Amino acid sequence: MRLSRDKVNVLARAVSDVLKQMDDVEFIEDPNTIRQEIRKFLEELLNQEEKIDQSARQKIENQKRTILEGSQEWDILYRKYYSEEVKKLGI
């Protein structure tokens, strides 16, 4: 799923705020630096997810016969191929 930069920033701020409230977490860096690192991590995670999605869709498109998106067969194959791609990355 593609999220706008603003939405990723909102998520990063929310994660940062939750971390600040935790007793077990102590920031040794500037809170803004922490938020920026969280944003970078979220963007990398979303980019990885997009690549996995594209790979799963490509495998379905490469089938000998056409499988319509939204059909039960397409959904089953998508979950299977998506899971395989996630395993390849060790996630």
PDB file of N, CA and C in Angstrom:
ATOM      1  N   MET A   1       0.846  -1.171   0.000  1.00  0.00           N
ATOM      2  CA  MET A   1       0.000   0.000   0.000  1.00  0.00           C
ATOM      3  C   MET A   1       0.894   1.238   0.000  1.00  0.00           C
ATOM      4  N   ARG A   2       0.609   2.150  -0.871  1.00  0.00           N
ATOM      5  CA  ARG A   2       1.374   3.394  -0.931  1.00  0.00           C
ATOM      6  C   ARG A   2       0.776   4.391   0.042  1.00  0.00           C
ATOM      7  N   LEU A   3       1.611   4.962   0.859  1.00  0.00           N
ATOM      8  CA  LEU A   3       1.196   6.012   1.774  1.00  0.00           C
ATOM      9  C   LEU A   3       1.929   7.285   1.388  1.00  0.00           C
ATOM     10  N   SER A   4       1.251   8.402   1.550  1.00  0.00           N
ATOM     11  CA  SER A   4       1.893   9.677   1.255  1.00  0.00           C
ATOM     12  C   SER A   4       2.972   9.953   2.300  1.00  0.00           C
ATOM     13  N   ARG A   5       3.850  10.835   1.963  1.00  0.00           N
ATOM     14  CA  ARG A   5       4.926  11.218   2.888  1.00  0.00           C
ATOM     15  C   ARG A   5       4.338  11.786   4.179  1.00  0.00           C
ATOM     16  N   ASP A   6       3.259  12.553   4.046  1.00  0.00           N
ATOM     17  CA  ASP A   6       2.607  13.116   5.233  1.00  0.00           C
ATOM     18  C   ASP A   6       2.080  12.024   6.151  1.00  0.00           C
ATOM     19  N   LYS A   7       1.477  11.000   5.582  1.00  0.00           N
ATOM     20  CA  LYS A   7       0.941   9.911   6.401  1.00  0.00           C
ATOM     21  C   LYS A   7       2.054   9.131   7.082  1.00  0.00           C
ATOM     22  N   VAL A   8       3.160   8.936   6.377  1.00  0.00           N
ATOM     23  CA  VAL A   8       4.300   8.249   6.981  1.00  0.00           C
ATOM     24  C   VAL A   8       4.854   9.090   8.130  1.00  0.00           C
ATOM     25  N   ASN A   9       4.889  10.405   7.952  1.00  0.00           N
ATOM     26  CA  ASN A   9       5.344  11.292   9.023  1.00  0.00           C
ATOM     27  C   ASN A   9       4.414  11.219  10.230  1.00  0.00           C
ATOM     28  N   VAL A  10       3.106  11.158   9.992  1.00  0.00           N
ATOM     29  CA  VAL A  10       2.135  11.035  11.090  1.00  0.00           C
ATOM     30  C   VAL A  10       2.368   9.732  11.849  1.00  0.00           C
ATOM     31  N   LEU A  11       2.588   8.636  11.109  1.00  0.00           N
ATOM     32  CA  LEU A  11       2.874   7.350  11.752  1.00  0.00           C
ATOM     33  C   LEU A  11       4.175   7.407  12.558  1.00  0.00           C
ATOM     34  N   ALA A  12       5.197   8.010  11.980  1.00  0.00           N
ATOM     35  CA  ALA A  12       6.486   8.108  12.669  1.00  0.00           C
ATOM     36  C   ALA A  12       6.347   8.923  13.951  1.00  0.00           C
ATOM     37  N   ARG A  13       5.589   9.996  13.891  1.00  0.00           N
ATOM     38  CA  ARG A  13       5.369  10.811  15.080  1.00  0.00           C
ATOM     39  C   ARG A  13       4.600  10.023  16.139  1.00  0.00           C
ATOM     40  N   ALA A  14       3.599   9.250  15.711  1.00  0.00           N
ATOM     41  CA  ALA A  14       2.815   8.446  16.651  1.00  0.00           C
ATOM     42  C   ALA A  14       3.696   7.390  17.328  1.00  0.00           C
ATOM     43  N   VAL A  15       4.544   6.730  16.554  1.00  0.00           N
ATOM     44  CA  VAL A  15       5.450   5.730  17.125  1.00  0.00           C
ATOM     45  C   VAL A  15       6.414   6.397  18.098  1.00  0.00           C
ATOM     46  N   SER A  16       6.951   7.526  17.707  1.00  0.00           N
ATOM     47  CA  SER A  16       7.876   8.260  18.562  1.00  0.00           C
ATOM     48  C   SER A  16       7.195   8.676  19.870  1.00  0.00           C
ATOM     49  N   ASP A  17       5.965   9.159  19.780  1.00  0.00           N
ATOM     50  CA  ASP A  17       5.224   9.563  20.978  1.00  0.00           C
ATOM     51  C   ASP A  17       4.980   8.384  21.915  1.00  0.00           C
ATOM     52  N   VAL A  18       4.648   7.236  21.351  1.00  0.00           N
ATOM     53  CA  VAL A  18       4.431   6.041  22.175  1.00  0.00           C
ATOM     54  C   VAL A  18       5.737   5.622  22.850  1.00  0.00           C
ATOM     55  N   LEU A  19       6.834   5.670  22.118  1.00  0.00           N
ATOM     56  CA  LEU A  19       8.127   5.314  22.700  1.00  0.00           C
ATOM     57  C   LEU A  19       8.504   6.261  23.838  1.00  0.00           C
ATOM     58  N   LYS A  20       8.208   7.549  23.675  1.00  0.00           N
ATOM     59  CA  LYS A  20       8.511   8.526  24.723  1.00  0.00           C
ATOM     60  C   LYS A  20       7.771   8.205  26.013  1.00  0.00           C
ATOM     61  N   GLN A  21       6.570   7.668  25.901  1.00  0.00           N
ATOM     62  CA  GLN A  21       5.742   7.380  27.069  1.00  0.00           C
ATOM     63  C   GLN A  21       6.144   6.096  27.785  1.00  0.00           C
ATOM     64  N   MET A  22       6.930   5.267  27.132  1.00  0.00           N
ATOM     65  CA  MET A  22       7.328   3.989  27.729  1.00  0.00           C
ATOM     66  C   MET A  22       8.439   4.211  28.750  1.00  0.00           C
ATOM     67  N   ASP A  23       8.279   3.584  29.904  1.00  0.00           N
ATOM     68  CA  ASP A  23       9.272   3.719  30.965  1.00  0.00           C
ATOM     69  C   ASP A  23      10.590   3.029  30.624  1.00  0.00           C
ATOM     70  N   ASP A  24      10.526   1.988  29.823  1.00  0.00           N
ATOM     71  CA  ASP A  24      11.716   1.206  29.481  1.00  0.00           C
ATOM     72  C   ASP A  24      12.561   1.835  28.375  1.00  0.00           C
ATOM     73  N   VAL A  25      12.076   2.924  27.779  1.00  0.00           N
ATOM     74  CA  VAL A  25      12.769   3.534  26.645  1.00  0.00           C
ATOM     75  C   VAL A  25      13.310   4.898  27.060  1.00  0.00           C
ATOM     76  N   GLU A  26      14.587   5.085  26.766  1.00  0.00           N
ATOM     77  CA  GLU A  26      15.216   6.374  27.042  1.00  0.00           C
ATOM     78  C   GLU A  26      15.867   6.865  25.751  1.00  0.00           C
ATOM     79  N   PHE A  27      15.541   8.067  25.345  1.00  0.00           N
ATOM     80  CA  PHE A  27      16.126   8.639  24.138  1.00  0.00           C
ATOM     81  C   PHE A  27      17.467   9.251  24.486  1.00  0.00           C
ATOM     82  N   ILE A  28      18.501   8.857  23.751  1.00  0.00           N
ATOM     83  CA  ILE A  28      19.808   9.474  23.935  1.00  0.00           C
ATOM     84  C   ILE A  28      20.125  10.395  22.757  1.00  0.00           C
ATOM     85  N   GLU A  29      19.220  10.405  21.785  1.00  0.00           N
ATOM     86  CA  GLU A  29      19.317  11.301  20.631  1.00  0.00           C
ATOM     87  C   GLU A  29      18.168  12.298  20.704  1.00  0.00           C
ATOM     88  N   ASP A  30      18.269  13.307  19.889  1.00  0.00           N
ATOM     89  CA  ASP A  30      17.209  14.298  19.764  1.00  0.00           C
ATOM     90  C   ASP A  30      15.928  13.609  19.299  1.00  0.00           C
ATOM     91  N   PRO A  31      14.775  13.911  19.897  1.00  0.00           N
ATOM     92  CA  PRO A  31      13.519  13.275  19.491  1.00  0.00           C
ATOM     93  C   PRO A  31      13.213  13.420  17.997  1.00  0.00           C
ATOM     94  N   ASN A  32      13.609  14.536  17.407  1.00  0.00           N
ATOM     95  CA  ASN A  32      13.376  14.722  15.974  1.00  0.00           C
ATOM     96  C   ASN A  32      14.227  13.747  15.157  1.00  0.00           C
ATOM     97  N   THR A  33      15.438  13.488  15.594  1.00  0.00           N
ATOM     98  CA  THR A  33      16.309  12.517  14.922  1.00  0.00           C
ATOM     99  C   THR A  33      15.700  11.120  15.008  1.00  0.00           C
ATOM    100  N   ILE A  34      15.167  10.792  16.171  1.00  0.00           N
ATOM    101  CA  ILE A  34      14.501   9.495  16.357  1.00  0.00           C
ATOM    102  C   ILE A  34      13.313   9.376  15.415  1.00  0.00           C
ATOM    103  N   ARG A  35      12.503  10.426  15.345  1.00  0.00           N
ATOM    104  CA  ARG A  35      11.325  10.419  14.462  1.00  0.00           C
ATOM    105  C   ARG A  35      11.733  10.242  13.005  1.00  0.00           C
ATOM    106  N   GLN A  36      12.809  10.914  12.598  1.00  0.00           N
ATOM    107  CA  GLN A  36      13.288  10.789  11.210  1.00  0.00           C
ATOM    108  C   GLN A  36      13.762   9.373  10.908  1.00  0.00           C
ATOM    109  N   GLU A  37      14.425   8.747  11.868  1.00  0.00           N
ATOM    110  CA  GLU A  37      14.877   7.368  11.677  1.00  0.00           C
ATOM    111  C   GLU A  37      13.683   6.415  11.600  1.00  0.00           C
ATOM    112  N   ILE A  38      12.685   6.655  12.412  1.00  0.00           N
ATOM    113  CA  ILE A  38      11.466   5.837  12.357  1.00  0.00           C
ATOM    114  C   ILE A  38      10.805   5.998  10.995  1.00  0.00           C
ATOM    115  N   ARG A  39      10.754   7.237  10.489  1.00  0.00           N
ATOM    116  CA  ARG A  39      10.160   7.493   9.171  1.00  0.00           C
ATOM    117  C   ARG A  39      10.931   6.749   8.082  1.00  0.00           C
ATOM    118  N   LYS A  40      12.267   6.787   8.147  1.00  0.00           N
ATOM    119  CA  LYS A  40      13.076   6.071   7.149  1.00  0.00           C
ATOM    120  C   LYS A  40      12.808   4.571   7.207  1.00  0.00           C
ATOM    121  N   PHE A  41      12.724   4.044   8.414  1.00  0.00           N
ATOM    122  CA  PHE A  41      12.449   2.620   8.588  1.00  0.00           C
ATOM    123  C   PHE A  41      11.084   2.264   8.004  1.00  0.00           C
ATOM    124  N   LEU A  42      10.065   3.070   8.291  1.00  0.00           N
ATOM    125  CA  LEU A  42       8.720   2.811   7.763  1.00  0.00           C
ATOM    126  C   LEU A  42       8.710   2.875   6.240  1.00  0.00           C
ATOM    127  N   GLU A  43       9.419   3.843   5.666  1.00  0.00           N
ATOM    128  CA  GLU A  43       9.471   3.956   4.208  1.00  0.00           C
ATOM    129  C   GLU A  43      10.154   2.736   3.589  1.00  0.00           C
ATOM    130  N   GLU A  44      11.233   2.264   4.208  1.00  0.00           N
ATOM    131  CA  GLU A  44      11.919   1.065   3.711  1.00  0.00           C
ATOM    132  C   GLU A  44      10.999  -0.149   3.795  1.00  0.00           C
ATOM    133  N   LEU A  45      10.279  -0.259   4.899  1.00  0.00           N
ATOM    134  CA  LEU A  45       9.352  -1.371   5.079  1.00  0.00           C
ATOM    135  C   LEU A  45       8.240  -1.330   4.032  1.00  0.00           C
ATOM    136  N   LEU A  46       7.702  -0.153   3.769  1.00  0.00           N
ATOM    137  CA  LEU A  46       6.647  -0.016   2.764  1.00  0.00           C
ATOM    138  C   LEU A  46       7.181  -0.300   1.360  1.00  0.00           C
ATOM    139  N   ASN A  47       8.406   0.104   1.085  1.00  0.00           N
ATOM    140  CA  ASN A  47       9.009  -0.183  -0.225  1.00  0.00           C
ATOM    141  C   ASN A  47       9.220  -1.688  -0.412  1.00  0.00           C
ATOM    142  N   GLN A  48       9.657  -2.366   0.656  1.00  0.00           N
ATOM    143  CA  GLN A  48       9.818  -3.819   0.595  1.00  0.00           C
ATOM    144  C   GLN A  48       8.475  -4.488   0.332  1.00  0.00           C
ATOM    145  N   GLU A  49       7.439  -4.022   1.020  1.00  0.00           N
ATOM    146  CA  GLU A  49       6.108  -4.598   0.860  1.00  0.00           C
ATOM    147  C   GLU A  49       5.625  -4.413  -0.575  1.00  0.00           C
ATOM    148  N   GLU A  50       5.900  -3.253  -1.153  1.00  0.00           N
ATOM    149  CA  GLU A  50       5.486  -2.988  -2.530  1.00  0.00           C
ATOM    150  C   GLU A  50       6.195  -3.930  -3.506  1.00  0.00           C
ATOM    151  N   LYS A  51       7.483  -4.188  -3.278  1.00  0.00           N
ATOM    152  CA  LYS A  51       8.231  -5.108  -4.140  1.00  0.00           C
ATOM    153  C   LYS A  51       7.693  -6.530  -4.025  1.00  0.00           C
ATOM    154  N   ILE A  52       7.355  -6.934  -2.810  1.00  0.00           N
ATOM    155  CA  ILE A  52       6.784  -8.266  -2.603  1.00  0.00           C
ATOM    156  C   ILE A  52       5.454  -8.378  -3.331  1.00  0.00           C
ATOM    157  N   ASP A  53       4.629  -7.344  -3.216  1.00  0.00           N
ATOM    158  CA  ASP A  53       3.325  -7.317  -3.883  1.00  0.00           C
ATOM    159  C   ASP A  53       3.498  -7.420  -5.395  1.00  0.00           C
ATOM    160  N   GLN A  54       4.410  -6.636  -5.954  1.00  0.00           N
ATOM    161  CA  GLN A  54       4.643  -6.664  -7.403  1.00  0.00           C
ATOM    162  C   GLN A  54       5.131  -8.032  -7.865  1.00  0.00           C
ATOM    163  N   SER A  55       5.992  -8.643  -7.090  1.00  0.00           N
ATOM    164  CA  SER A  55       6.518  -9.953  -7.439  1.00  0.00           C
ATOM    165  C   SER A  55       5.409 -11.004  -7.433  1.00  0.00           C
ATOM    166  N   ALA A  56       4.564 -10.973  -6.413  1.00  0.00           N
ATOM    167  CA  ALA A  56       3.449 -11.926  -6.338  1.00  0.00           C
ATOM    168  C   ALA A  56       2.500 -11.734  -7.511  1.00  0.00           C
ATOM    169  N   ARG A  57       2.190 -10.477  -7.838  1.00  0.00           N
ATOM    170  CA  ARG A  57       1.303 -10.197  -8.970  1.00  0.00           C
ATOM    171  C   ARG A  57       1.926 -10.660 -10.294  1.00  0.00           C
ATOM    172  N   GLN A  58       3.234 -10.467 -10.435  1.00  0.00           N
ATOM    173  CA  GLN A  58       3.919 -10.876 -11.664  1.00  0.00           C
ATOM    174  C   GLN A  58       3.853 -12.386 -11.842  1.00  0.00           C
ATOM    175  N   LYS A  59       4.023 -13.128 -10.750  1.00  0.00           N
ATOM    176  CA  LYS A  59       3.945 -14.585 -10.831  1.00  0.00           C
ATOM    177  C   LYS A  59       2.554 -15.029 -11.273  1.00  0.00           C
ATOM    178  N   ILE A  60       1.526 -14.354 -10.815  1.00  0.00           N
ATOM    179  CA  ILE A  60       0.163 -14.704 -11.225  1.00  0.00           C
ATOM    180  C   ILE A  60      -0.034 -14.384 -12.700  1.00  0.00           C
ATOM    181  N   GLU A  61       0.488 -13.243 -13.142  1.00  0.00           N
ATOM    182  CA  GLU A  61       0.358 -12.859 -14.549  1.00  0.00           C
ATOM    183  C   GLU A  61       1.113 -13.816 -15.466  1.00  0.00           C
ATOM    184  N   ASN A  62       2.154 -14.453 -14.961  1.00  0.00           N
ATOM    185  CA  ASN A  62       2.960 -15.354 -15.784  1.00  0.00           C
ATOM    186  C   ASN A  62       2.359 -16.759 -15.892  1.00  0.00           C
ATOM    187  N   GLN A  63       1.211 -16.984 -15.310  1.00  0.00           N
ATOM    188  CA  GLN A  63       0.550 -18.282 -15.431  1.00  0.00           C
ATOM    189  C   GLN A  63       0.153 -18.509 -16.897  1.00  0.00           C
ATOM    190  N   LYS A  64       0.042 -19.757 -17.284  1.00  0.00           N
ATOM    191  CA  LYS A  64      -0.301 -20.082 -18.675  1.00  0.00           C
ATOM    192  C   LYS A  64      -1.674 -19.555 -19.064  1.00  0.00           C
ATOM    193  N   ARG A  65      -2.591 -19.571 -18.131  1.00  0.00           N
ATOM    194  CA  ARG A  65      -3.926 -19.062 -18.439  1.00  0.00           C
ATOM    195  C   ARG A  65      -4.195 -17.820 -17.608  1.00  0.00           C
ATOM    196  N   THR A  66      -5.124 -17.033 -18.066  1.00  0.00           N
ATOM    197  CA  THR A  66      -5.454 -15.792 -17.375  1.00  0.00           C
ATOM    198  C   THR A  66      -6.272 -16.087 -16.124  1.00  0.00           C
ATOM    199  N   ILE A  67      -5.836 -15.505 -15.020  1.00  0.00           N
ATOM    200  CA  ILE A  67      -6.547 -15.640 -13.751  1.00  0.00           C
ATOM    201  C   ILE A  67      -7.005 -14.239 -13.366  1.00  0.00           C
ATOM    202  N   LEU A  68      -8.306 -14.078 -13.241  1.00  0.00           N
ATOM    203  CA  LEU A  68      -8.858 -12.767 -12.972  1.00  0.00           C
ATOM    204  C   LEU A  68      -8.622 -12.337 -11.535  1.00  0.00           C
ATOM    205  N   GLU A  69      -8.125 -11.103 -11.388  1.00  0.00           N
ATOM    206  CA  GLU A  69      -7.910 -10.554 -10.051  1.00  0.00           C
ATOM    207  C   GLU A  69      -9.257 -10.433  -9.349  1.00  0.00           C
ATOM    208  N   GLY A  70      -9.283 -10.829  -8.100  1.00  0.00           N
ATOM    209  CA  GLY A  70     -10.517 -10.792  -7.319  1.00  0.00           C
ATOM    210  C   GLY A  70     -11.201 -12.145  -7.234  1.00  0.00           C
ATOM    211  N   SER A  71     -10.781 -13.062  -8.108  1.00  0.00           N
ATOM    212  CA  SER A  71     -11.366 -14.397  -8.046  1.00  0.00           C
ATOM    213  C   SER A  71     -10.748 -15.154  -6.874  1.00  0.00           C
ATOM    214  N   GLN A  72     -11.418 -16.218  -6.471  1.00  0.00           N
ATOM    215  CA  GLN A  72     -10.918 -17.012  -5.352  1.00  0.00           C
ATOM    216  C   GLN A  72      -9.545 -17.598  -5.682  1.00  0.00           C
ATOM    217  N   GLU A  73      -9.382 -18.085  -6.910  1.00  0.00           N
ATOM    218  CA  GLU A  73      -8.103 -18.659  -7.323  1.00  0.00           C
ATOM    219  C   GLU A  73      -6.989 -17.612  -7.268  1.00  0.00           C
ATOM    220  N   TRP A  74      -7.287 -16.389  -7.746  1.00  0.00           N
ATOM    221  CA  TRP A  74      -6.301 -15.313  -7.722  1.00  0.00           C
ATOM    222  C   TRP A  74      -5.885 -15.011  -6.291  1.00  0.00           C
ATOM    223  N   ASP A  75      -6.865 -14.913  -5.391  1.00  0.00           N
ATOM    224  CA  ASP A  75      -6.583 -14.618  -3.984  1.00  0.00           C
ATOM    225  C   ASP A  75      -5.701 -15.694  -3.349  1.00  0.00           C
ATOM    226  N   ILE A  76      -6.002 -16.948  -3.652  1.00  0.00           N
ATOM    227  CA  ILE A  76      -5.213 -18.059  -3.098  1.00  0.00           C
ATOM    228  C   ILE A  76      -3.776 -17.999  -3.619  1.00  0.00           C
ATOM    229  N   LEU A  77      -3.633 -17.807  -4.923  1.00  0.00           N
ATOM    230  CA  LEU A  77      -2.288 -17.719  -5.509  1.00  0.00           C
ATOM    231  C   LEU A  77      -1.533 -16.512  -4.978  1.00  0.00           C
ATOM    232  N   TYR A  78      -2.212 -15.387  -4.830  1.00  0.00           N
ATOM    233  CA  TYR A  78      -1.571 -14.177  -4.331  1.00  0.00           C
ATOM    234  C   TYR A  78      -1.016 -14.411  -2.925  1.00  0.00           C
ATOM    235  N   ARG A  79      -1.838 -14.984  -2.053  1.00  0.00           N
ATOM    236  CA  ARG A  79      -1.385 -15.250  -0.683  1.00  0.00           C
ATOM    237  C   ARG A  79      -0.188 -16.211  -0.691  1.00  0.00           C
ATOM    238  N   LYS A  80      -0.262 -17.226  -1.560  1.00  0.00           N
ATOM    239  CA  LYS A  80       0.821 -18.211  -1.645  1.00  0.00           C
ATOM    240  C   LYS A  80       2.118 -17.544  -2.108  1.00  0.00           C
ATOM    241  N   TYR A  81       2.054 -16.801  -3.208  1.00  0.00           N
ATOM    242  CA  TYR A  81       3.245 -16.171  -3.758  1.00  0.00           C
ATOM    243  C   TYR A  81       3.767 -15.060  -2.847  1.00  0.00           C
ATOM    244  N   TYR A  82       2.865 -14.327  -2.229  1.00  0.00           N
ATOM    245  CA  TYR A  82       3.263 -13.272  -1.294  1.00  0.00           C
ATOM    246  C   TYR A  82       4.032 -13.890  -0.127  1.00  0.00           C
ATOM    247  N   SER A  83       3.497 -14.981   0.398  1.00  0.00           N
ATOM    248  CA  SER A  83       4.141 -15.677   1.515  1.00  0.00           C
ATOM    249  C   SER A  83       5.523 -16.192   1.111  1.00  0.00           C
ATOM    250  N   GLU A  84       5.634 -16.724  -0.099  1.00  0.00           N
ATOM    251  CA  GLU A  84       6.924 -17.214  -0.581  1.00  0.00           C
ATOM    252  C   GLU A  84       7.957 -16.083  -0.654  1.00  0.00           C
ATOM    253  N   GLU A  85       7.533 -14.939  -1.139  1.00  0.00           N
ATOM    254  CA  GLU A  85       8.438 -13.791  -1.246  1.00  0.00           C
ATOM    255  C   GLU A  85       8.877 -13.287   0.124  1.00  0.00           C
ATOM    256  N   VAL A  86       7.966 -13.300   1.075  1.00  0.00           N
ATOM    257  CA  VAL A  86       8.298 -12.880   2.436  1.00  0.00           C
ATOM    258  C   VAL A  86       9.321 -13.841   3.036  1.00  0.00           C
ATOM    259  N   LYS A  87       9.121 -15.136   2.803  1.00  0.00           N
ATOM    260  CA  LYS A  87      10.064 -16.125   3.319  1.00  0.00           C
ATOM    261  C   LYS A  87      11.443 -15.945   2.702  1.00  0.00           C
ATOM    262  N   LYS A  88      11.496 -15.623   1.399  1.00  0.00           N
ATOM    263  CA  LYS A  88      12.784 -15.404   0.725  1.00  0.00           C
ATOM    264  C   LYS A  88      13.579 -14.299   1.411  1.00  0.00           C
ATOM    265  N   LEU A  89      12.853 -13.264   1.846  1.00  0.00           N
ATOM    266  CA  LEU A  89      13.516 -12.130   2.493  1.00  0.00           C
ATOM    267  C   LEU A  89      13.798 -12.378   3.965  1.00  0.00           C
ATOM    268  N   GLY A  90      13.254 -13.465   4.494  1.00  0.00           N
ATOM    269  CA  GLY A  90      13.490 -13.795   5.894  1.00  0.00           C
ATOM    270  C   GLY A  90      12.748 -12.899   6.872  1.00  0.00           C
ATOM    271  N   ILE A  91      11.618 -12.404   6.433  1.00  0.00           N
ATOM    272  CA  ILE A  91      10.820 -11.508   7.280  1.00  0.00           C
ATOM    273  C   ILE A  91       9.870 -12.325   8.129  1.00  0.00           C
TER     274      ILE A  91
END
